[in-house]
Every structure is written in structure tokens, then in C-alpha cells.
């Protein structure tokens, strides 16, 4: 009886940890601008048609396209902590 109870408690803990871990990994949604730029660059530069832009394909971006990509996918700066008084 004790073994069954211990096994059920362990199973419940494992299920809870799995559910919590799954909630923490949420995919980032792309903005409309990002979707548009990504689609345009895929059509233009995805040479092997695998649906991804690898390092070599990104290296072939024209200067204007690099700027467009950087603008659309710029990373947000974390909130800085102000330590000045």
C-alpha cells in the first residue's frame, strides 16, 4: 500500500514539473512587419529552399536587405537600472 502511495506521489510531482516546464517555453510571435520581411527574404535568398536562412544565405544579403532585416528584427534592450541618485 505504501509503495502505491509513494508511486502516485512521484507521478503527480513529475506531471506537475512537466506541465510547468511546458508553460515556460512559449514561442515568440512575429509582428506583421517581421513576417513580411522574413517572407520577402526567404523568396529572395533561400537558395536550397529548406525554409531557413542559413549563415551562407544571410551573408549574401544586399546592404539594403541587411538594413531592412536589422530594423525588423532588432532586439529590445533590457530595462536599464538607474543607480544614479
PDB file of N, CA and C in Angstrom:
ATOM      1  N   UNK A   1       0.821  -1.188   0.000  1.00  0.00           N
ATOM      2  CA  UNK A   1       0.000   0.000   0.000  1.00  0.00           C
ATOM      3  C   UNK A   1       0.872   1.263   0.000  1.00  0.00           C
ATOM      4  N   UNK A   2       1.933   1.242   0.811  1.00  0.00           N
ATOM      5  CA  UNK A   2       2.823   2.397   0.874  1.00  0.00           C
ATOM      6  C   UNK A   2       3.527   2.612  -0.465  1.00  0.00           C
ATOM      7  N   UNK A   3       3.908   1.526  -1.124  1.00  0.00           N
ATOM      8  CA  UNK A   3       4.589   1.640  -2.401  1.00  0.00           C
ATOM      9  C   UNK A   3       3.699   2.302  -3.445  1.00  0.00           C
ATOM     10  N   UNK A   4       2.429   1.934  -3.444  1.00  0.00           N
ATOM     11  CA  UNK A   4       1.487   2.517  -4.393  1.00  0.00           C
ATOM     12  C   UNK A   4       1.328   4.005  -4.116  1.00  0.00           C
ATOM     13  N   UNK A   5       1.217   4.377  -2.847  1.00  0.00           N
ATOM     14  CA  UNK A   5       1.066   5.773  -2.462  1.00  0.00           C
ATOM     15  C   UNK A   5       2.311   6.587  -2.869  1.00  0.00           C
ATOM     16  N   UNK A   6       3.484   6.051  -2.615  1.00  0.00           N
ATOM     17  CA  UNK A   6       4.727   6.731  -2.985  1.00  0.00           C
ATOM     18  C   UNK A   6       4.814   6.871  -4.507  1.00  0.00           C
ATOM     19  N   UNK A   7       4.445   5.830  -5.228  1.00  0.00           N
ATOM     20  CA  UNK A   7       4.482   5.872  -6.685  1.00  0.00           C
ATOM     21  C   UNK A   7       3.521   6.935  -7.216  1.00  0.00           C
ATOM     22  N   UNK A   8       2.329   7.045  -6.647  1.00  0.00           N
ATOM     23  CA  UNK A   8       1.358   8.054  -7.080  1.00  0.00           C
ATOM     24  C   UNK A   8       1.851   9.474  -6.796  1.00  0.00           C
ATOM     25  N   UNK A   9       2.473   9.667  -5.638  1.00  0.00           N
ATOM     26  CA  UNK A   9       3.009  10.984  -5.290  1.00  0.00           C
ATOM     27  C   UNK A   9       4.133  11.361  -6.265  1.00  0.00           C
ATOM     28  N   UNK A  10       5.005  10.422  -6.559  1.00  0.00           N
ATOM     29  CA  UNK A  10       6.089  10.676  -7.512  1.00  0.00           C
ATOM     30  C   UNK A  10       5.542  11.006  -8.896  1.00  0.00           C
ATOM     31  N   UNK A  11       4.543  10.270  -9.322  1.00  0.00           N
ATOM     32  CA  UNK A  11       3.932  10.525 -10.624  1.00  0.00           C
ATOM     33  C   UNK A  11       3.301  11.912 -10.659  1.00  0.00           C
ATOM     34  N   UNK A  12       2.606  12.297  -9.582  1.00  0.00           N
ATOM     35  CA  UNK A  12       1.972  13.612  -9.520  1.00  0.00           C
ATOM     36  C   UNK A  12       3.024  14.722  -9.581  1.00  0.00           C
ATOM     37  N   UNK A  13       4.135  14.549  -8.891  1.00  0.00           N
ATOM     38  CA  UNK A  13       5.215  15.546  -8.915  1.00  0.00           C
ATOM     39  C   UNK A  13       5.820  15.657 -10.313  1.00  0.00           C
ATOM     40  N   UNK A  14       6.061  14.538 -10.952  1.00  0.00           N
ATOM     41  CA  UNK A  14       6.635  14.543 -12.295  1.00  0.00           C
ATOM     42  C   UNK A  14       5.691  15.216 -13.291  1.00  0.00           C
ATOM     43  N   UNK A  15       4.407  14.942 -13.175  1.00  0.00           N
ATOM     44  CA  UNK A  15       3.427  15.553 -14.069  1.00  0.00           C
ATOM     45  C   UNK A  15       3.372  17.061 -13.862  1.00  0.00           C
ATOM     46  N   UNK A  16       3.454  17.499 -12.619  1.00  0.00           N
ATOM     47  CA  UNK A  16       3.429  18.930 -12.319  1.00  0.00           C
ATOM     48  C   UNK A  16       4.660  19.622 -12.884  1.00  0.00           C
ATOM     49  N   UNK A  17       5.826  19.017 -12.720  1.00  0.00           N
ATOM     50  CA  UNK A  17       7.060  19.610 -13.240  1.00  0.00           C
ATOM     51  C   UNK A  17       7.033  19.690 -14.763  1.00  0.00           C
ATOM     52  N   UNK A  18       6.507  18.680 -15.399  1.00  0.00           N
ATOM     53  CA  UNK A  18       6.432  18.666 -16.857  1.00  0.00           C
ATOM     54  C   UNK A  18       5.493  19.762 -17.356  1.00  0.00           C
ATOM     55  N   UNK A  19       4.352  19.908 -16.712  1.00  0.00           N
ATOM     56  CA  UNK A  19       3.389  20.929 -17.120  1.00  0.00           C
ATOM     57  C   UNK A  19       3.961  22.324 -16.907  1.00  0.00           C
ATOM     58  N   UNK A  20       4.657  22.536 -15.805  1.00  0.00           N
ATOM     59  CA  UNK A  20       5.250  23.839 -15.520  1.00  0.00           C
ATOM     60  C   UNK A  20       6.339  24.170 -16.522  1.00  0.00           C
ATOM     61  N   UNK A  21       7.158  23.211 -16.880  1.00  0.00           N
ATOM     62  CA  UNK A  21       8.225  23.437 -17.853  1.00  0.00           C
ATOM     63  C   UNK A  21       7.653  23.778 -19.222  1.00  0.00           C
ATOM     64  N   UNK A  22       6.568  23.133 -19.601  1.00  0.00           N
ATOM     65  CA  UNK A  22       5.951  23.389 -20.903  1.00  0.00           C
ATOM     66  C   UNK A  22       5.375  24.796 -20.970  1.00  0.00           C
ATOM     67  N   UNK A  23       4.870  25.317 -19.868  1.00  0.00           N
ATOM     68  CA  UNK A  23       4.309  26.661 -19.846  1.00  0.00           C
ATOM     69  C   UNK A  23       5.393  27.711 -20.013  1.00  0.00           C
ATOM     70  N   UNK A  24       6.586  27.435 -19.534  1.00  0.00           N
ATOM     71  CA  UNK A  24       7.676  28.389 -19.592  1.00  0.00           C
ATOM     72  C   UNK A  24       8.231  28.600 -20.982  1.00  0.00           C
ATOM     73  N   UNK A  25       8.049  27.655 -21.885  1.00  0.00           N
ATOM     74  CA  UNK A  25       8.583  27.750 -23.243  1.00  0.00           C
ATOM     75  C   UNK A  25       7.482  28.182 -24.205  1.00  0.00           C
ATOM     76  N   UNK A  26       7.311  29.481 -24.323  1.00  0.00           N
ATOM     77  CA  UNK A  26       6.313  29.993 -25.245  1.00  0.00           C
ATOM     78  C   UNK A  26       7.034  30.580 -26.441  1.00  0.00           C
ATOM     79  N   UNK A  27       6.535  30.291 -27.617  1.00  0.00           N
ATOM     80  CA  UNK A  27       7.134  30.824 -28.837  1.00  0.00           C
ATOM     81  C   UNK A  27       6.815  32.300 -28.961  1.00  0.00           C
ATOM     82  N   UNK A  28       7.807  33.013 -29.447  1.00  0.00           N
ATOM     83  CA  UNK A  28       7.646  34.435 -29.660  1.00  0.00           C
ATOM     84  C   UNK A  28       6.856  34.645 -30.950  1.00  0.00           C
ATOM     85  N   UNK A  29       5.856  35.495 -30.900  1.00  0.00           N
ATOM     86  CA  UNK A  29       5.059  35.797 -32.086  1.00  0.00           C
ATOM     87  C   UNK A  29       5.739  36.888 -32.896  1.00  0.00           C
ATOM     88  N   UNK A  30       5.719  36.746 -34.209  1.00  0.00           N
ATOM     89  CA  UNK A  30       6.296  37.743 -35.088  1.00  0.00           C
ATOM     90  C   UNK A  30       5.280  38.837 -35.384  1.00  0.00           C
ATOM     91  N   UNK A  31       5.777  40.060 -35.532  1.00  0.00           N
ATOM     92  CA  UNK A  31       4.910  41.162 -35.928  1.00  0.00           C
ATOM     93  C   UNK A  31       4.620  41.042 -37.418  1.00  0.00           C
ATOM     94  N   UNK A  32       3.673  41.832 -37.895  1.00  0.00           N
ATOM     95  CA  UNK A  32       3.345  41.807 -39.318  1.00  0.00           C
ATOM     96  C   UNK A  32       4.551  42.240 -40.152  1.00  0.00           C
ATOM     97  N   UNK A  33       5.276  43.246 -39.675  1.00  0.00           N
ATOM     98  CA  UNK A  33       6.464  43.705 -40.397  1.00  0.00           C
ATOM     99  C   UNK A  33       7.504  42.587 -40.483  1.00  0.00           C
ATOM    100  N   UNK A  34       7.716  41.880 -39.378  1.00  0.00           N
ATOM    101  CA  UNK A  34       8.687  40.787 -39.364  1.00  0.00           C
ATOM    102  C   UNK A  34       8.266  39.668 -40.307  1.00  0.00           C
ATOM    103  N   UNK A  35       6.990  39.348 -40.320  1.00  0.00           N
ATOM    104  CA  UNK A  35       6.501  38.297 -41.217  1.00  0.00           C
ATOM    105  C   UNK A  35       6.718  38.683 -42.677  1.00  0.00           C
ATOM    106  N   UNK A  36       6.449  39.942 -42.999  1.00  0.00           N
ATOM    107  CA  UNK A  36       6.614  40.421 -44.363  1.00  0.00           C
ATOM    108  C   UNK A  36       8.077  40.378 -44.798  1.00  0.00           C
ATOM    109  N   UNK A  37       8.957  40.897 -43.932  1.00  0.00           N
ATOM    110  CA  UNK A  37      10.387  40.924 -44.253  1.00  0.00           C
ATOM    111  C   UNK A  37      10.922  39.501 -44.372  1.00  0.00           C
ATOM    112  N   UNK A  38      10.535  38.628 -43.447  1.00  0.00           N
ATOM    113  CA  UNK A  38      11.011  37.243 -43.473  1.00  0.00           C
ATOM    114  C   UNK A  38      10.587  36.552 -44.772  1.00  0.00           C
ATOM    115  N   UNK A  39       9.318  36.737 -45.153  1.00  0.00           N
ATOM    116  CA  UNK A  39       8.815  36.113 -46.382  1.00  0.00           C
ATOM    117  C   UNK A  39       9.574  36.623 -47.604  1.00  0.00           C
ATOM    118  N   UNK A  40       9.782  37.932 -47.656  1.00  0.00           N
ATOM    119  CA  UNK A  40      10.495  38.533 -48.780  1.00  0.00           C
ATOM    120  C   UNK A  40      11.924  38.003 -48.882  1.00  0.00           C
ATOM    121  N   UNK A  41      12.608  37.912 -47.746  1.00  0.00           N
ATOM    122  CA  UNK A  41      13.991  37.437 -47.752  1.00  0.00           C
ATOM    123  C   UNK A  41      14.077  35.950 -48.093  1.00  0.00           C
ATOM    124  N   UNK A  42      13.096  35.190 -47.653  1.00  0.00           N
ATOM    125  CA  UNK A  42      13.079  33.755 -47.980  1.00  0.00           C
ATOM    126  C   UNK A  42      12.949  33.554 -49.482  1.00  0.00           C
ATOM    127  N   UNK A  43      12.032  34.293 -50.088  1.00  0.00           N
ATOM    128  CA  UNK A  43      11.830  34.166 -51.529  1.00  0.00           C
ATOM    129  C   UNK A  43      13.086  34.572 -52.297  1.00  0.00           C
ATOM    130  N   UNK A  44      13.784  35.558 -51.776  1.00  0.00           N
ATOM    131  CA  UNK A  44      14.927  36.122 -52.481  1.00  0.00           C
ATOM    132  C   UNK A  44      16.233  35.355 -52.233  1.00  0.00           C
ATOM    133  N   UNK A  45      16.437  34.855 -50.997  1.00  0.00           N
ATOM    134  CA  UNK A  45      17.750  34.320 -50.637  1.00  0.00           C
ATOM    135  C   UNK A  45      17.795  32.845 -50.225  1.00  0.00           C
ATOM    136  N   UNK A  46      16.668  32.187 -50.041  1.00  0.00           N
ATOM    137  CA  UNK A  46      16.677  30.776 -49.621  1.00  0.00           C
ATOM    138  C   UNK A  46      17.014  29.889 -50.816  1.00  0.00           C
ATOM    139  N   UNK A  47      18.297  29.746 -51.092  1.00  0.00           N
ATOM    140  CA  UNK A  47      18.765  29.039 -52.287  1.00  0.00           C
ATOM    141  C   UNK A  47      18.414  27.557 -52.278  1.00  0.00           C
ATOM    142  N   UNK A  48      18.527  26.909 -51.122  1.00  0.00           N
ATOM    143  CA  UNK A  48      18.270  25.472 -51.066  1.00  0.00           C
ATOM    144  C   UNK A  48      16.810  25.140 -50.751  1.00  0.00           C
ATOM    145  N   UNK A  49      15.983  26.150 -50.618  1.00  0.00           N
ATOM    146  CA  UNK A  49      14.529  26.010 -50.402  1.00  0.00           C
ATOM    147  C   UNK A  49      14.185  25.104 -49.215  1.00  0.00           C
ATOM    148  N   UNK A  50      14.955  25.243 -48.110  1.00  0.00           N
ATOM    149  CA  UNK A  50      14.669  24.453 -46.914  1.00  0.00           C
ATOM    150  C   UNK A  50      13.811  25.211 -45.902  1.00  0.00           C
ATOM    151  N   UNK A  51      13.416  26.437 -46.230  1.00  0.00           N
ATOM    152  CA  UNK A  51      12.570  27.221 -45.339  1.00  0.00           C
ATOM    153  C   UNK A  51      13.340  27.924 -44.235  1.00  0.00           C
ATOM    154  N   UNK A  52      14.667  27.924 -44.336  1.00  0.00           N
ATOM    155  CA  UNK A  52      15.515  28.581 -43.345  1.00  0.00           C
ATOM    156  C   UNK A  52      16.588  29.369 -44.072  1.00  0.00           C
ATOM    157  N   UNK A  53      17.029  30.445 -43.432  1.00  0.00           N
ATOM    158  CA  UNK A  53      18.140  31.216 -43.983  1.00  0.00           C
ATOM    159  C   UNK A  53      19.379  30.879 -43.179  1.00  0.00           C
ATOM    160  N   UNK A  54      20.260  30.079 -43.772  1.00  0.00           N
ATOM    161  CA  UNK A  54      21.471  29.701 -43.046  1.00  0.00           C
ATOM    162  C   UNK A  54      22.526  30.802 -43.160  1.00  0.00           C
ATOM    163  N   UNK A  55      23.647  30.576 -42.541  1.00  0.00           N
ATOM    164  CA  UNK A  55      24.705  31.584 -42.467  1.00  0.00           C
ATOM    165  C   UNK A  55      25.162  32.045 -43.855  1.00  0.00           C
ATOM    166  N   UNK A  56      25.350  31.120 -44.768  1.00  0.00           N
ATOM    167  CA  UNK A  56      25.808  31.458 -46.114  1.00  0.00           C
ATOM    168  C   UNK A  56      24.763  32.273 -46.871  1.00  0.00           C
ATOM    169  N   UNK A  57      23.499  31.913 -46.705  1.00  0.00           N
ATOM    170  CA  UNK A  57      22.436  32.644 -47.386  1.00  0.00           C
ATOM    171  C   UNK A  57      22.305  34.067 -46.833  1.00  0.00           C
ATOM    172  N   UNK A  58      22.404  34.213 -45.509  1.00  0.00           N
ATOM    173  CA  UNK A  58      22.338  35.549 -44.911  1.00  0.00           C
ATOM    174  C   UNK A  58      23.532  36.406 -45.316  1.00  0.00           C
ATOM    175  N   UNK A  59      24.680  35.776 -45.558  1.00  0.00           N
ATOM    176  CA  UNK A  59      25.883  36.509 -45.973  1.00  0.00           C
ATOM    177  C   UNK A  59      25.691  37.145 -47.348  1.00  0.00           C
ATOM    178  N   UNK A  60      24.767  36.641 -48.138  1.00  0.00           N
ATOM    179  CA  UNK A  60      24.523  37.157 -49.484  1.00  0.00           C
ATOM    180  C   UNK A  60      23.511  38.306 -49.507  1.00  0.00           C
ATOM    181  N   UNK A  61      22.990  38.704 -48.351  1.00  0.00           N
ATOM    182  CA  UNK A  61      22.036  39.806 -48.296  1.00  0.00           C
ATOM    183  C   UNK A  61      22.658  41.061 -48.896  1.00  0.00           C
ATOM    184  N   UNK A  62      21.882  41.788 -49.672  1.00  0.00           N
ATOM    185  CA  UNK A  62      22.314  43.099 -50.152  1.00  0.00           C
ATOM    186  C   UNK A  62      22.306  44.065 -48.962  1.00  0.00           C
ATOM    187  N   UNK A  63      23.018  45.163 -49.088  1.00  0.00           N
ATOM    188  CA  UNK A  63      23.129  46.127 -47.989  1.00  0.00           C
ATOM    189  C   UNK A  63      21.745  46.610 -47.534  1.00  0.00           C
ATOM    190  N   UNK A  64      20.880  46.919 -48.481  1.00  0.00           N
ATOM    191  CA  UNK A  64      19.534  47.403 -48.155  1.00  0.00           C
ATOM    192  C   UNK A  64      18.737  46.324 -47.425  1.00  0.00           C
ATOM    193  N   UNK A  65      18.905  45.083 -47.852  1.00  0.00           N
ATOM    194  CA  UNK A  65      18.190  43.982 -47.216  1.00  0.00           C
ATOM    195  C   UNK A  65      18.705  43.734 -45.799  1.00  0.00           C
ATOM    196  N   UNK A  66      20.005  43.890 -45.593  1.00  0.00           N
ATOM    197  CA  UNK A  66      20.569  43.747 -44.242  1.00  0.00           C
ATOM    198  C   UNK A  66      19.972  44.792 -43.311  1.00  0.00           C
ATOM    199  N   UNK A  67      19.840  46.011 -43.814  1.00  0.00           N
ATOM    200  CA  UNK A  67      19.270  47.085 -43.001  1.00  0.00           C
ATOM    201  C   UNK A  67      17.797  46.822 -42.707  1.00  0.00           C
ATOM    202  N   UNK A  68      17.079  46.345 -43.709  1.00  0.00           N
ATOM    203  CA  UNK A  68      15.658  46.036 -43.529  1.00  0.00           C
ATOM    204  C   UNK A  68      15.483  44.925 -42.495  1.00  0.00           C
ATOM    205  N   UNK A  69      16.326  43.886 -42.590  1.00  0.00           N
ATOM    206  CA  UNK A  69      16.275  42.764 -41.656  1.00  0.00           C
ATOM    207  C   UNK A  69      16.598  43.239 -40.232  1.00  0.00           C
ATOM    208  N   UNK A  70      17.648  44.033 -40.096  1.00  0.00           N
ATOM    209  CA  UNK A  70      18.068  44.527 -38.787  1.00  0.00           C
ATOM    210  C   UNK A  70      16.982  45.390 -38.151  1.00  0.00           C
ATOM    211  N   UNK A  71      16.333  46.209 -38.956  1.00  0.00           N
ATOM    212  CA  UNK A  71      15.266  47.067 -38.435  1.00  0.00           C
ATOM    213  C   UNK A  71      14.074  46.239 -37.951  1.00  0.00           C
ATOM    214  N   UNK A  72      13.692  45.244 -38.735  1.00  0.00           N
ATOM    215  CA  UNK A  72      12.526  44.427 -38.387  1.00  0.00           C
ATOM    216  C   UNK A  72      12.795  43.528 -37.184  1.00  0.00           C
ATOM    217  N   UNK A  73      14.024  43.017 -37.088  1.00  0.00           N
ATOM    218  CA  UNK A  73      14.325  42.037 -36.047  1.00  0.00           C
ATOM    219  C   UNK A  73      15.275  42.557 -34.972  1.00  0.00           C
ATOM    220  N   UNK A  74      15.293  43.866 -34.770  1.00  0.00           N
ATOM    221  CA  UNK A  74      16.178  44.392 -33.738  1.00  0.00           C
ATOM    222  C   UNK A  74      15.713  43.900 -32.377  1.00  0.00           C
ATOM    223  N   UNK A  75      16.687  43.607 -31.534  1.00  0.00           N
ATOM    224  CA  UNK A  75      16.383  43.092 -30.205  1.00  0.00           C
ATOM    225  C   UNK A  75      16.068  44.250 -29.286  1.00  0.00           C
ATOM    226  N   UNK A  76      15.078  44.034 -28.445  1.00  0.00           N
ATOM    227  CA  UNK A  76      14.734  45.064 -27.471  1.00  0.00           C
ATOM    228  C   UNK A  76      15.794  45.104 -26.395  1.00  0.00           C
ATOM    229  N   UNK A  77      16.155  46.313 -26.020  1.00  0.00           N
ATOM    230  CA  UNK A  77      17.134  46.474 -24.959  1.00  0.00           C
ATOM    231  C   UNK A  77      16.450  46.238 -23.618  1.00  0.00           C
ATOM    232  N   UNK A  78      17.110  45.500 -22.713  1.00  0.00           N
ATOM    233  CA  UNK A  78      16.510  45.301 -21.397  1.00  0.00           C
ATOM    234  C   UNK A  78      16.442  46.618 -20.646  1.00  0.00           C
ATOM    235  N   UNK A  79      15.473  46.734 -19.779  1.00  0.00           N
ATOM    236  CA  UNK A  79      15.331  47.935 -18.988  1.00  0.00           C
ATOM    237  C   UNK A  79      16.569  48.152 -18.140  1.00  0.00           C
ATOM    238  N   UNK A  80      17.166  49.304 -18.281  1.00  0.00           N
ATOM    239  CA  UNK A  80      18.392  49.569 -17.534  1.00  0.00           C
ATOM    240  C   UNK A  80      18.033  49.983 -16.123  1.00  0.00           C
ATOM    241  N   UNK A  81      18.921  49.646 -15.226  1.00  0.00           N
ATOM    242  CA  UNK A  81      18.714  50.030 -13.834  1.00  0.00           C
ATOM    243  C   UNK A  81      19.478  51.310 -13.595  1.00  0.00           C
ATOM    244  N   UNK A  82      18.793  52.277 -13.111  1.00  0.00           N
ATOM    245  CA  UNK A  82      19.391  53.584 -12.878  1.00  0.00           C
ATOM    246  C   UNK A  82      19.927  53.621 -11.455  1.00  0.00           C
ATOM    247  N   UNK A  83      21.251  53.697 -11.308  1.00  0.00           N
ATOM    248  CA  UNK A  83      21.860  53.682  -9.983  1.00  0.00           C
ATOM    249  C   UNK A  83      22.270  55.074  -9.539  1.00  0.00           C
ATOM    250  N   UNK A  84      22.024  56.070 -10.411  1.00  0.00           N
ATOM    251  CA  UNK A  84      22.378  57.428 -10.034  1.00  0.00           C
ATOM    252  C   UNK A  84      21.350  57.989  -9.076  1.00  0.00           C
ATOM    253  N   UNK A  85      21.822  58.854  -8.186  1.00  0.00           N
ATOM    254  CA  UNK A  85      20.914  59.496  -7.226  1.00  0.00           C
ATOM    255  C   UNK A  85      20.716  60.949  -7.563  1.00  0.00           C
TER     256      UNK A  85
END
